[in-house]
Amino acid sequence: SVMYVESVKGRFTISRDNAKNTVYLQMDRLKPEDTAVYYCAAASV
């Protein structure tokens, strides 16, 4: 159920390692418009 906003599709990759209780966001070919505070969040759906 991976989803991406259109502006990052093809450049960013989300992944997770449940054994390590960690989620990652690999960001490639970064652009100035990617500048922001990035937040991690959890949902039940």
PDB file of all heavy atoms in Angstrom:
ATOM      1  N   SER A   1       0.824  -1.220   0.000  1.00  0.00           N
ATOM      2  CA  SER A   1       0.000   0.000   0.000  1.00  0.00           C
ATOM      3  C   SER A   1       0.851   1.259   0.000  1.00  0.00           C
ATOM      4  O   SER A   1       0.574   2.219   0.731  1.00  0.00           O
ATOM      5  CB  SER A   1      -0.945  -0.004   1.200  1.00  0.00           C
ATOM      6  OG  SER A   1      -1.807  -1.122   1.163  1.00  0.00           O
ATOM      7  N   VAL A   2       1.877   1.285  -0.832  1.00  0.00           N
ATOM      8  CA  VAL A   2       2.775   2.427  -0.903  1.00  0.00           C
ATOM      9  C   VAL A   2       2.131   3.551  -1.703  1.00  0.00           C
ATOM     10  O   VAL A   2       1.564   3.322  -2.770  1.00  0.00           O
ATOM     11  CB  VAL A   2       4.119   2.031  -1.535  1.00  0.00           C
ATOM     12  CG1 VAL A   2       4.989   3.262  -1.756  1.00  0.00           C
ATOM     13  CG2 VAL A   2       4.831   1.017  -0.655  1.00  0.00           C
ATOM     14  N   MET A   3       2.227   4.757  -1.194  1.00  0.00           N
ATOM     15  CA  MET A   3       1.687   5.927  -1.868  1.00  0.00           C
ATOM     16  C   MET A   3       2.702   7.053  -1.834  1.00  0.00           C
ATOM     17  O   MET A   3       3.446   7.201  -0.867  1.00  0.00           O
ATOM     18  CB  MET A   3       0.386   6.395  -1.202  1.00  0.00           C
ATOM     19  CG  MET A   3      -0.760   5.406  -1.277  1.00  0.00           C
ATOM     20  SD  MET A   3      -2.327   6.118  -0.690  1.00  0.00           S
ATOM     21  CE  MET A   3      -1.970   6.290   1.063  1.00  0.00           C
ATOM     22  N   TYR A   4       2.724   7.856  -2.890  1.00  0.00           N
ATOM     23  CA  TYR A   4       3.593   9.009  -2.978  1.00  0.00           C
ATOM     24  C   TYR A   4       2.826  10.192  -3.542  1.00  0.00           C
ATOM     25  O   TYR A   4       1.939  10.021  -4.388  1.00  0.00           O
ATOM     26  CB  TYR A   4       4.787   8.759  -3.901  1.00  0.00           C
ATOM     27  CG  TYR A   4       5.716   7.662  -3.481  1.00  0.00           C
ATOM     28  CD1 TYR A   4       5.620   6.394  -4.038  1.00  0.00           C
ATOM     29  CD2 TYR A   4       6.713   7.894  -2.537  1.00  0.00           C
ATOM     30  CE1 TYR A   4       6.484   5.382  -3.666  1.00  0.00           C
ATOM     31  CE2 TYR A   4       7.584   6.888  -2.157  1.00  0.00           C
ATOM     32  CZ  TYR A   4       7.471   5.635  -2.722  1.00  0.00           C
ATOM     33  OH  TYR A   4       8.333   4.633  -2.352  1.00  0.00           O
ATOM     34  N   VAL A   5       3.190  11.361  -3.097  1.00  0.00           N
ATOM     35  CA  VAL A   5       2.665  12.558  -3.725  1.00  0.00           C
ATOM     36  C   VAL A   5       3.331  12.669  -5.100  1.00  0.00           C
ATOM     37  O   VAL A   5       4.488  12.261  -5.276  1.00  0.00           O
ATOM     38  CB  VAL A   5       2.941  13.808  -2.861  1.00  0.00           C
ATOM     39  CG1 VAL A   5       4.433  14.103  -2.783  1.00  0.00           C
ATOM     40  CG2 VAL A   5       2.178  15.011  -3.389  1.00  0.00           C
ATOM     41  N   GLU A   6       2.615  13.173  -6.068  1.00  0.00           N
ATOM     42  CA  GLU A   6       3.101  13.214  -7.442  1.00  0.00           C
ATOM     43  C   GLU A   6       4.465  13.885  -7.580  1.00  0.00           C
ATOM     44  O   GLU A   6       5.303  13.433  -8.368  1.00  0.00           O
ATOM     45  CB  GLU A   6       2.086  13.939  -8.331  1.00  0.00           C
ATOM     46  CG  GLU A   6       2.473  13.986  -9.799  1.00  0.00           C
ATOM     47  CD  GLU A   6       1.459  14.710 -10.645  1.00  0.00           C
ATOM     48  OE1 GLU A   6       0.473  15.221 -10.086  1.00  0.00           O
ATOM     49  OE2 GLU A   6       1.651  14.767 -11.870  1.00  0.00           O
ATOM     50  N   SER A   7       4.714  14.907  -6.820  1.00  0.00           N
ATOM     51  CA  SER A   7       5.939  15.675  -6.961  1.00  0.00           C
ATOM     52  C   SER A   7       7.207  14.915  -6.580  1.00  0.00           C
ATOM     53  O   SER A   7       8.307  15.324  -6.954  1.00  0.00           O
ATOM     54  CB  SER A   7       5.854  16.964  -6.136  1.00  0.00           C
ATOM     55  OG  SER A   7       5.689  16.673  -4.759  1.00  0.00           O
ATOM     56  N   VAL A   8       7.079  13.816  -5.840  1.00  0.00           N
ATOM     57  CA  VAL A   8       8.257  13.056  -5.428  1.00  0.00           C
ATOM     58  C   VAL A   8       8.316  11.671  -6.052  1.00  0.00           C
ATOM     59  O   VAL A   8       9.321  10.964  -5.895  1.00  0.00           O
ATOM     60  CB  VAL A   8       8.359  12.922  -3.891  1.00  0.00           C
ATOM     61  CG1 VAL A   8       8.206  14.281  -3.228  1.00  0.00           C
ATOM     62  CG2 VAL A   8       7.317  11.941  -3.361  1.00  0.00           C
ATOM     63  N   LYS A   9       7.273  11.284  -6.749  1.00  0.00           N
ATOM     64  CA  LYS A   9       7.225   9.952  -7.347  1.00  0.00           C
ATOM     65  C   LYS A   9       8.385   9.759  -8.316  1.00  0.00           C
ATOM     66  O   LYS A   9       8.628  10.590  -9.180  1.00  0.00           O
ATOM     67  CB  LYS A   9       5.897   9.742  -8.065  1.00  0.00           C
ATOM     68  CG  LYS A   9       5.642   8.304  -8.478  1.00  0.00           C
ATOM     69  CD  LYS A   9       4.232   8.118  -9.008  1.00  0.00           C
ATOM     70  CE  LYS A   9       3.942   6.661  -9.333  1.00  0.00           C
ATOM     71  NZ  LYS A   9       2.552   6.476  -9.812  1.00  0.00           N
ATOM     72  N   GLY A  10       9.102   8.650  -8.152  1.00  0.00           N
ATOM     73  CA  GLY A  10      10.261   8.368  -8.977  1.00  0.00           C
ATOM     74  C   GLY A  10      11.560   8.846  -8.373  1.00  0.00           C
ATOM     75  O   GLY A  10      12.638   8.438  -8.822  1.00  0.00           O
ATOM     76  N   ARG A  11      11.471   9.703  -7.368  1.00  0.00           N
ATOM     77  CA  ARG A  11      12.671  10.228  -6.726  1.00  0.00           C
ATOM     78  C   ARG A  11      12.806   9.753  -5.281  1.00  0.00           C
ATOM     79  O   ARG A  11      13.912   9.530  -4.797  1.00  0.00           O
ATOM     80  CB  ARG A  11      12.670  11.754  -6.732  1.00  0.00           C
ATOM     81  CG  ARG A  11      12.694  12.357  -8.128  1.00  0.00           C
ATOM     82  CD  ARG A  11      12.912  13.868  -8.072  1.00  0.00           C
ATOM     83  NE  ARG A  11      11.823  14.553  -7.367  1.00  0.00           N
ATOM     84  CZ  ARG A  11      11.978  15.256  -6.242  1.00  0.00           C
ATOM     85  NH1 ARG A  11      13.187  15.379  -5.687  1.00  0.00           N
ATOM     86  NH2 ARG A  11      10.936  15.859  -5.673  1.00  0.00           N
ATOM     87  N   PHE A  12      11.678   9.613  -4.586  1.00  0.00           N
ATOM     88  CA  PHE A  12      11.682   9.201  -3.193  1.00  0.00           C
ATOM     89  C   PHE A  12      11.219   7.752  -3.069  1.00  0.00           C
ATOM     90  O   PHE A  12      10.373   7.294  -3.839  1.00  0.00           O
ATOM     91  CB  PHE A  12      10.738  10.073  -2.360  1.00  0.00           C
ATOM     92  CG  PHE A  12      11.200  11.490  -2.152  1.00  0.00           C
ATOM     93  CD1 PHE A  12      12.274  12.019  -2.855  1.00  0.00           C
ATOM     94  CD2 PHE A  12      10.544  12.299  -1.235  1.00  0.00           C
ATOM     95  CE1 PHE A  12      12.689  13.328  -2.664  1.00  0.00           C
ATOM     96  CE2 PHE A  12      10.951  13.605  -1.028  1.00  0.00           C
ATOM     97  CZ  PHE A  12      12.016  14.122  -1.737  1.00  0.00           C
ATOM     98  N   THR A  13      11.748   7.054  -2.078  1.00  0.00           N
ATOM     99  CA  THR A  13      11.349   5.683  -1.807  1.00  0.00           C
ATOM    100  C   THR A  13      11.130   5.503  -0.314  1.00  0.00           C
ATOM    101  O   THR A  13      12.031   5.759   0.480  1.00  0.00           O
ATOM    102  CB  THR A  13      12.412   4.676  -2.282  1.00  0.00           C
ATOM    103  OG1 THR A  13      12.672   4.860  -3.681  1.00  0.00           O
ATOM    104  CG2 THR A  13      11.923   3.248  -2.049  1.00  0.00           C
ATOM    105  N   ILE A  14       9.939   5.061   0.046  1.00  0.00           N
ATOM    106  CA  ILE A  14       9.646   4.797   1.446  1.00  0.00           C
ATOM    107  C   ILE A  14       9.793   3.303   1.714  1.00  0.00           C
ATOM    108  O   ILE A  14       9.465   2.477   0.865  1.00  0.00           O
ATOM    109  CB  ILE A  14       8.231   5.283   1.827  1.00  0.00           C
ATOM    110  CG1 ILE A  14       8.006   5.174   3.336  1.00  0.00           C
ATOM    111  CG2 ILE A  14       7.161   4.515   1.061  1.00  0.00           C
ATOM    112  CD1 ILE A  14       6.721   5.848   3.813  1.00  0.00           C
ATOM    113  N   SER A  15      10.306   2.953   2.871  1.00  0.00           N
ATOM    114  CA  SER A  15      10.468   1.562   3.251  1.00  0.00           C
ATOM    115  C   SER A  15      10.379   1.451   4.761  1.00  0.00           C
ATOM    116  O   SER A  15      10.407   2.461   5.464  1.00  0.00           O
ATOM    117  CB  SER A  15      11.808   1.002   2.747  1.00  0.00           C
ATOM    118  OG  SER A  15      12.897   1.700   3.324  1.00  0.00           O
ATOM    119  N   ARG A  16      10.261   0.227   5.252  1.00  0.00           N
ATOM    120  CA  ARG A  16      10.211   0.036   6.696  1.00  0.00           C
ATOM    121  C   ARG A  16      10.865  -1.274   7.082  1.00  0.00           C
ATOM    122  O   ARG A  16      10.924  -2.224   6.302  1.00  0.00           O
ATOM    123  CB  ARG A  16       8.764   0.075   7.199  1.00  0.00           C
ATOM    124  CG  ARG A  16       7.912  -1.105   6.776  1.00  0.00           C
ATOM    125  CD  ARG A  16       6.438  -0.849   7.090  1.00  0.00           C
ATOM    126  NE  ARG A  16       6.171  -0.758   8.517  1.00  0.00           N
ATOM    127  CZ  ARG A  16       5.055  -0.247   9.044  1.00  0.00           C
ATOM    128  NH1 ARG A  16       4.111   0.254   8.245  1.00  0.00           N
ATOM    129  NH2 ARG A  16       4.893  -0.220  10.360  1.00  0.00           N
ATOM    130  N   ASP A  17      11.345  -1.314   8.298  1.00  0.00           N
ATOM    131  CA  ASP A  17      11.939  -2.504   8.874  1.00  0.00           C
ATOM    132  C   ASP A  17      11.270  -2.699  10.219  1.00  0.00           C
ATOM    133  O   ASP A  17      11.645  -2.067  11.202  1.00  0.00           O
ATOM    134  CB  ASP A  17      13.449  -2.337   9.025  1.00  0.00           C
ATOM    135  CG  ASP A  17      14.136  -3.608   9.487  1.00  0.00           C
ATOM    136  OD1 ASP A  17      13.472  -4.488  10.050  1.00  0.00           O
ATOM    137  OD2 ASP A  17      15.358  -3.719   9.287  1.00  0.00           O
ATOM    138  N   ASN A  18      10.273  -3.566  10.248  1.00  0.00           N
ATOM    139  CA  ASN A  18       9.504  -3.756  11.471  1.00  0.00           C
ATOM    140  C   ASN A  18      10.335  -4.354  12.602  1.00  0.00           C
ATOM    141  O   ASN A  18      10.059  -4.102  13.772  1.00  0.00           O
ATOM    142  CB  ASN A  18       8.290  -4.637  11.194  1.00  0.00           C
ATOM    143  CG  ASN A  18       7.241  -3.932  10.361  1.00  0.00           C
ATOM    144  OD1 ASN A  18       7.198  -2.704  10.303  1.00  0.00           O
ATOM    145  ND2 ASN A  18       6.388  -4.699   9.702  1.00  0.00           N
ATOM    146  N   ALA A  19      11.344  -5.138  12.254  1.00  0.00           N
ATOM    147  CA  ALA A  19      12.212  -5.720  13.275  1.00  0.00           C
ATOM    148  C   ALA A  19      12.991  -4.642  14.009  1.00  0.00           C
ATOM    149  O   ALA A  19      13.377  -4.819  15.165  1.00  0.00           O
ATOM    150  CB  ALA A  19      13.165  -6.732  12.653  1.00  0.00           C
ATOM    151  N   LYS A  20      13.234  -3.517  13.328  1.00  0.00           N
ATOM    152  CA  LYS A  20      13.958  -2.407  13.925  1.00  0.00           C
ATOM    153  C   LYS A  20      13.044  -1.263  14.333  1.00  0.00           C
ATOM    154  O   LYS A  20      13.519  -0.225  14.800  1.00  0.00           O
ATOM    155  CB  LYS A  20      15.017  -1.882  12.958  1.00  0.00           C
ATOM    156  CG  LYS A  20      16.111  -2.881  12.628  1.00  0.00           C
ATOM    157  CD  LYS A  20      17.132  -2.271  11.688  1.00  0.00           C
ATOM    158  CE  LYS A  20      18.252  -3.248  11.389  1.00  0.00           C
ATOM    159  NZ  LYS A  20      19.258  -2.673  10.466  1.00  0.00           N
ATOM    160  N   ASN A  21      11.746  -1.450  14.135  1.00  0.00           N
ATOM    161  CA  ASN A  21      10.774  -0.399  14.440  1.00  0.00           C
ATOM    162  C   ASN A  21      11.154   0.921  13.785  1.00  0.00           C
ATOM    163  O   ASN A  21      11.132   1.987  14.407  1.00  0.00           O
ATOM    164  CB  ASN A  21      10.648  -0.199  15.954  1.00  0.00           C
ATOM    165  CG  ASN A  21       9.727  -1.206  16.608  1.00  0.00           C
ATOM    166  OD1 ASN A  21       9.365  -2.224  16.015  1.00  0.00           O
ATOM    167  ND2 ASN A  21       9.335  -0.922  17.846  1.00  0.00           N
ATOM    168  N   THR A  22      11.504   0.837  12.511  1.00  0.00           N
ATOM    169  CA  THR A  22      12.002   2.005  11.801  1.00  0.00           C
ATOM    170  C   THR A  22      11.392   2.111  10.409  1.00  0.00           C
ATOM    171  O   THR A  22      11.233   1.106   9.717  1.00  0.00           O
ATOM    172  CB  THR A  22      13.530   1.966  11.675  1.00  0.00           C
ATOM    173  OG1 THR A  22      14.110   1.865  12.980  1.00  0.00           O
ATOM    174  CG2 THR A  22      14.055   3.227  11.004  1.00  0.00           C
ATOM    175  N   VAL A  23      11.059   3.328  10.013  1.00  0.00           N
ATOM    176  CA  VAL A  23      10.607   3.612   8.663  1.00  0.00           C
ATOM    177  C   VAL A  23      11.598   4.595   8.052  1.00  0.00           C
ATOM    178  O   VAL A  23      12.147   5.449   8.753  1.00  0.00           O
ATOM    179  CB  VAL A  23       9.168   4.177   8.649  1.00  0.00           C
ATOM    180  CG1 VAL A  23       9.089   5.497   9.407  1.00  0.00           C
ATOM    181  CG2 VAL A  23       8.673   4.341   7.222  1.00  0.00           C
ATOM    182  N   TYR A  24      11.838   4.457   6.751  1.00  0.00           N
ATOM    183  CA  TYR A  24      12.828   5.266   6.066  1.00  0.00           C
ATOM    184  C   TYR A  24      12.211   6.031   4.903  1.00  0.00           C
ATOM    185  O   TYR A  24      11.206   5.629   4.331  1.00  0.00           O
ATOM    186  CB  TYR A  24      13.955   4.395   5.510  1.00  0.00           C
ATOM    187  CG  TYR A  24      14.615   3.501   6.525  1.00  0.00           C
ATOM    188  CD1 TYR A  24      14.193   2.180   6.693  1.00  0.00           C
ATOM    189  CD2 TYR A  24      15.660   3.964   7.315  1.00  0.00           C
ATOM    190  CE1 TYR A  24      14.794   1.355   7.621  1.00  0.00           C
ATOM    191  CE2 TYR A  24      16.269   3.144   8.244  1.00  0.00           C
ATOM    192  CZ  TYR A  24      15.837   1.836   8.398  1.00  0.00           C
ATOM    193  OH  TYR A  24      16.445   1.026   9.320  1.00  0.00           O
ATOM    194  N   LEU A  25      12.849   7.111   4.551  1.00  0.00           N
ATOM    195  CA  LEU A  25      12.501   7.832   3.346  1.00  0.00           C
ATOM    196  C   LEU A  25      13.794   8.135   2.610  1.00  0.00           C
ATOM    197  O   LEU A  25      14.564   9.005   3.029  1.00  0.00           O
ATOM    198  CB  LEU A  25      11.749   9.133   3.648  1.00  0.00           C
ATOM    199  CG  LEU A  25      11.244   9.883   2.409  1.00  0.00           C
ATOM    200  CD1 LEU A  25      10.155   9.069   1.703  1.00  0.00           C
ATOM    201  CD2 LEU A  25      10.705  11.263   2.788  1.00  0.00           C
ATOM    202  N   GLN A  26      14.049   7.390   1.545  1.00  0.00           N
ATOM    203  CA  GLN A  26      15.213   7.620   0.707  1.00  0.00           C
ATOM    204  C   GLN A  26      14.851   8.688  -0.304  1.00  0.00           C
ATOM    205  O   GLN A  26      13.915   8.520  -1.083  1.00  0.00           O
ATOM    206  CB  GLN A  26      15.627   6.329  -0.012  1.00  0.00           C
ATOM    207  CG  GLN A  26      16.796   6.488  -0.974  1.00  0.00           C
ATOM    208  CD  GLN A  26      18.089   6.825  -0.276  1.00  0.00           C
ATOM    209  OE1 GLN A  26      18.416   6.231   0.747  1.00  0.00           O
ATOM    210  NE2 GLN A  26      18.839   7.783  -0.816  1.00  0.00           N
ATOM    211  N   MET A  27      15.584   9.780  -0.305  1.00  0.00           N
ATOM    212  CA  MET A  27      15.302  10.906  -1.177  1.00  0.00           C
ATOM    213  C   MET A  27      16.457  11.084  -2.143  1.00  0.00           C
ATOM    214  O   MET A  27      17.578  11.394  -1.737  1.00  0.00           O
ATOM    215  CB  MET A  27      15.079  12.179  -0.356  1.00  0.00           C
ATOM    216  CG  MET A  27      13.978  12.051   0.688  1.00  0.00           C
ATOM    217  SD  MET A  27      13.688  13.591   1.594  1.00  0.00           S
ATOM    218  CE  MET A  27      15.234  13.704   2.502  1.00  0.00           C
ATOM    219  N   ASP A  28      16.179  10.886  -3.416  1.00  0.00           N
ATOM    220  CA  ASP A  28      17.191  11.017  -4.461  1.00  0.00           C
ATOM    221  C   ASP A  28      16.860  12.185  -5.372  1.00  0.00           C
ATOM    222  O   ASP A  28      15.707  12.607  -5.468  1.00  0.00           O
ATOM    223  CB  ASP A  28      17.279   9.734  -5.289  1.00  0.00           C
ATOM    224  CG  ASP A  28      17.735   8.531  -4.488  1.00  0.00           C
ATOM    225  OD1 ASP A  28      18.580   8.697  -3.600  1.00  0.00           O
ATOM    226  OD2 ASP A  28      17.235   7.417  -4.766  1.00  0.00           O
ATOM    227  N   ARG A  29      17.873  12.687  -6.051  1.00  0.00           N
ATOM    228  CA  ARG A  29      17.708  13.804  -6.983  1.00  0.00           C
ATOM    229  C   ARG A  29      16.913  14.934  -6.352  1.00  0.00           C
ATOM    230  O   ARG A  29      15.938  15.431  -6.911  1.00  0.00           O
ATOM    231  CB  ARG A  29      17.042  13.318  -8.275  1.00  0.00           C
ATOM    232  CG  ARG A  29      17.828  12.203  -8.977  1.00  0.00           C
ATOM    233  CD  ARG A  29      17.288  11.860 -10.349  1.00  0.00           C
ATOM    234  NE  ARG A  29      15.904  11.401 -10.331  1.00  0.00           N
ATOM    235  CZ  ARG A  29      15.541  10.180  -9.988  1.00  0.00           C
ATOM    236  NH1 ARG A  29      16.434   9.284  -9.617  1.00  0.00           N
ATOM    237  NH2 ARG A  29      14.251   9.854 -10.013  1.00  0.00           N
ATOM    238  N   LEU A  30      17.356  15.330  -5.190  1.00  0.00           N
ATOM    239  CA  LEU A  30      16.663  16.359  -4.435  1.00  0.00           C
ATOM    240  C   LEU A  30      16.644  17.691  -5.169  1.00  0.00           C
ATOM    241  O   LEU A  30      17.584  18.039  -5.879  1.00  0.00           O
ATOM    242  CB  LEU A  30      17.309  16.531  -3.065  1.00  0.00           C
ATOM    243  CG  LEU A  30      16.940  15.441  -2.050  1.00  0.00           C
ATOM    244  CD1 LEU A  30      17.952  15.407  -0.915  1.00  0.00           C
ATOM    245  CD2 LEU A  30      15.532  15.689  -1.514  1.00  0.00           C
ATOM    246  N   LYS A  31      15.561  18.417  -4.961  1.00  0.00           N
ATOM    247  CA  LYS A  31      15.357  19.721  -5.570  1.00  0.00           C
ATOM    248  C   LYS A  31      15.181  20.767  -4.481  1.00  0.00           C
ATOM    249  O   LYS A  31      14.754  20.444  -3.374  1.00  0.00           O
ATOM    250  CB  LYS A  31      14.109  19.703  -6.456  1.00  0.00           C
ATOM    251  CG  LYS A  31      14.122  18.661  -7.556  1.00  0.00           C
ATOM    252  CD  LYS A  31      12.793  18.667  -8.307  1.00  0.00           C
ATOM    253  CE  LYS A  31      12.780  17.641  -9.416  1.00  0.00           C
ATOM    254  NZ  LYS A  31      11.480  17.640 -10.142  1.00  0.00           N
ATOM    255  N   PRO A  32      15.467  22.028  -4.774  1.00  0.00           N
ATOM    256  CA  PRO A  32      15.270  23.078  -3.773  1.00  0.00           C
ATOM    257  C   PRO A  32      13.842  23.102  -3.224  1.00  0.00           C
ATOM    258  O   PRO A  32      13.651  23.415  -2.043  1.00  0.00           O
ATOM    259  CB  PRO A  32      15.594  24.358  -4.545  1.00  0.00           C
ATOM    260  CG  PRO A  32      16.611  23.925  -5.547  1.00  0.00           C
ATOM    261  CD  PRO A  32      16.135  22.561  -5.982  1.00  0.00           C
ATOM    262  N   GLU A  33      12.861  22.772  -4.039  1.00  0.00           N
ATOM    263  CA  GLU A  33      11.480  22.762  -3.589  1.00  0.00           C
ATOM    264  C   GLU A  33      11.164  21.635  -2.618  1.00  0.00           C
ATOM    265  O   GLU A  33      10.066  21.586  -2.057  1.00  0.00           O
ATOM    266  CB  GLU A  33      10.504  22.711  -4.779  1.00  0.00           C
ATOM    267  CG  GLU A  33      10.832  21.633  -5.793  1.00  0.00           C
ATOM    268  CD  GLU A  33      11.602  22.179  -6.987  1.00  0.00           C
ATOM    269  OE1 GLU A  33      12.584  22.925  -6.775  1.00  0.00           O
ATOM    270  OE2 GLU A  33      11.221  21.865  -8.135  1.00  0.00           O
ATOM    271  N   ASP A  34      12.115  20.727  -2.395  1.00  0.00           N
ATOM    272  CA  ASP A  34      11.949  19.694  -1.388  1.00  0.00           C
ATOM    273  C   ASP A  34      12.292  20.206   0.006  1.00  0.00           C
ATOM    274  O   ASP A  34      12.084  19.500   0.991  1.00  0.00           O
ATOM    275  CB  ASP A  34      12.828  18.481  -1.700  1.00  0.00           C
ATOM    276  CG  ASP A  34      12.405  17.763  -2.971  1.00  0.00           C
ATOM    277  OD1 ASP A  34      11.193  17.607  -3.198  1.00  0.00           O
ATOM    278  OD2 ASP A  34      13.305  17.355  -3.737  1.00  0.00           O
ATOM    279  N   THR A  35      12.831  21.406   0.078  1.00  0.00           N
ATOM    280  CA  THR A  35      13.203  21.992   1.357  1.00  0.00           C
ATOM    281  C   THR A  35      11.978  22.121   2.257  1.00  0.00           C
ATOM    282  O   THR A  35      10.978  22.726   1.882  1.00  0.00           O
ATOM    283  CB  THR A  35      13.846  23.370   1.158  1.00  0.00           C
ATOM    284  OG1 THR A  35      15.078  23.222   0.447  1.00  0.00           O
ATOM    285  CG2 THR A  35      14.126  24.039   2.501  1.00  0.00           C
ATOM    286  N   ALA A  36      12.063  21.537   3.441  1.00  0.00           N
ATOM    287  CA  ALA A  36      10.948  21.547   4.377  1.00  0.00           C
ATOM    288  C   ALA A  36      11.349  20.822   5.648  1.00  0.00           C
ATOM    289  O   ALA A  36      12.395  20.179   5.710  1.00  0.00           O
ATOM    290  CB  ALA A  36       9.722  20.858   3.763  1.00  0.00           C
ATOM    291  N   VAL A  37      10.496  20.932   6.650  1.00  0.00           N
ATOM    292  CA  VAL A  37      10.624  20.080   7.820  1.00  0.00           C
ATOM    293  C   VAL A  37       9.852  18.814   7.507  1.00  0.00           C
ATOM    294  O   VAL A  37       8.683  18.872   7.123  1.00  0.00           O
ATOM    295  CB  VAL A  37      10.061  20.748   9.087  1.00  0.00           C
ATOM    296  CG1 VAL A  37      10.117  19.778  10.265  1.00  0.00           C
ATOM    297  CG2 VAL A  37      10.849  22.014   9.410  1.00  0.00           C
ATOM    298  N   TYR A  38      10.492  17.681   7.660  1.00  0.00           N
ATOM    299  CA  TYR A  38       9.870  16.398   7.361  1.00  0.00           C
ATOM    300  C   TYR A  38       9.450  15.708   8.646  1.00  0.00           C
ATOM    301  O   TYR A  38      10.239  15.585   9.584  1.00  0.00           O
ATOM    302  CB  TYR A  38      10.835  15.506   6.576  1.00  0.00           C
ATOM    303  CG  TYR A  38      10.933  15.905   5.121  1.00  0.00           C
ATOM    304  CD1 TYR A  38      11.572  17.081   4.750  1.00  0.00           C
ATOM    305  CD2 TYR A  38      10.376  15.112   4.118  1.00  0.00           C
ATOM    306  CE1 TYR A  38      11.640  17.465   3.419  1.00  0.00           C
ATOM    307  CE2 TYR A  38      10.451  15.485   2.787  1.00  0.00           C
ATOM    308  CZ  TYR A  38      11.079  16.658   2.443  1.00  0.00           C
ATOM    309  OH  TYR A  38      11.158  17.032   1.114  1.00  0.00           O
ATOM    310  N   TYR A  39       8.192  15.256   8.663  1.00  0.00           N
ATOM    311  CA  TYR A  39       7.615  14.624   9.830  1.00  0.00           C
ATOM    312  C   TYR A  39       7.253  13.177   9.551  1.00  0.00           C
ATOM    313  O   TYR A  39       6.721  12.859   8.492  1.00  0.00           O
ATOM    314  CB  TYR A  39       6.346  15.351  10.274  1.00  0.00           C
ATOM    315  CG  TYR A  39       6.542  16.791  10.680  1.00  0.00           C
ATOM    316  CD1 TYR A  39       6.453  17.812   9.742  1.00  0.00           C
ATOM    317  CD2 TYR A  39       6.807  17.125  12.005  1.00  0.00           C
ATOM    318  CE1 TYR A  39       6.620  19.136  10.109  1.00  0.00           C
ATOM    319  CE2 TYR A  39       6.976  18.447  12.383  1.00  0.00           C
ATOM    320  CZ  TYR A  39       6.882  19.449  11.428  1.00  0.00           C
ATOM    321  OH  TYR A  39       7.043  20.762  11.800  1.00  0.00           O
ATOM    322  N   CYS A  40       7.505  12.334  10.502  1.00  0.00           N
ATOM    323  CA  CYS A  40       7.084  10.951  10.468  1.00  0.00           C
ATOM    324  C   CYS A  40       5.786  10.841  11.261  1.00  0.00           C
ATOM    325  O   CYS A  40       5.627  11.498  12.289  1.00  0.00           O
ATOM    326  CB  CYS A  40       8.170  10.065  11.090  1.00  0.00           C
ATOM    327  SG  CYS A  40       7.762   8.325  11.217  1.00  0.00           S
ATOM    328  N   ALA A  41       4.853  10.017  10.785  1.00  0.00           N
ATOM    329  CA  ALA A  41       3.572   9.880  11.462  1.00  0.00           C
ATOM    330  C   ALA A  41       3.022   8.472  11.308  1.00  0.00           C
ATOM    331  O   ALA A  41       3.371   7.753  10.371  1.00  0.00           O
ATOM    332  CB  ALA A  41       2.575  10.898  10.904  1.00  0.00           C
ATOM    333  N   ALA A  42       2.144   8.082  12.229  1.00  0.00           N
ATOM    334  CA  ALA A  42       1.545   6.750  12.234  1.00  0.00           C
ATOM    335  C   ALA A  42       0.030   6.841  12.242  1.00  0.00           C
ATOM    336  O   ALA A  42      -0.547   7.641  12.981  1.00  0.00           O
ATOM    337  CB  ALA A  42       2.026   5.960  13.448  1.00  0.00           C
ATOM    338  N   ALA A  43      -0.604   5.996  11.420  1.00  0.00           N
ATOM    339  CA  ALA A  43      -2.055   5.942  11.324  1.00  0.00           C
ATOM    340  C   ALA A  43      -2.535   4.502  11.475  1.00  0.00           C
ATOM    341  O   ALA A  43      -1.765   3.556  11.295  1.00  0.00           O
ATOM    342  CB  ALA A  43      -2.522   6.507   9.987  1.00  0.00           C
ATOM    343  N   SER A  44      -3.815   4.341  11.770  1.00  0.00           N
ATOM    344  CA  SER A  44      -4.391   3.014  11.943  1.00  0.00           C
ATOM    345  C   SER A  44      -5.021   2.466  10.667  1.00  0.00           C
ATOM    346  O   SER A  44      -5.465   1.319  10.635  1.00  0.00           O
ATOM    347  CB  SER A  44      -5.445   3.036  13.052  1.00  0.00           C
ATOM    348  OG  SER A  44      -4.854   3.381  14.297  1.00  0.00           O
ATOM    349  N   VAL A  45      -5.061   3.285   9.618  1.00  0.00           N
ATOM    350  CA  VAL A  45      -5.620   2.876   8.335  1.00  0.00           C
ATOM    351  C   VAL A  45      -4.714   3.341   7.212  1.00  0.00           C
ATOM    352  O   VAL A  45      -3.864   4.211   7.406  1.00  0.00           O
ATOM    353  CB  VAL A  45      -7.029   3.466   8.114  1.00  0.00           C
ATOM    354  CG1 VAL A  45      -8.006   2.931   9.149  1.00  0.00           C
ATOM    355  CG2 VAL A  45      -6.990   4.991   8.171  1.00  0.00           C
TER     356      VAL A  45
END
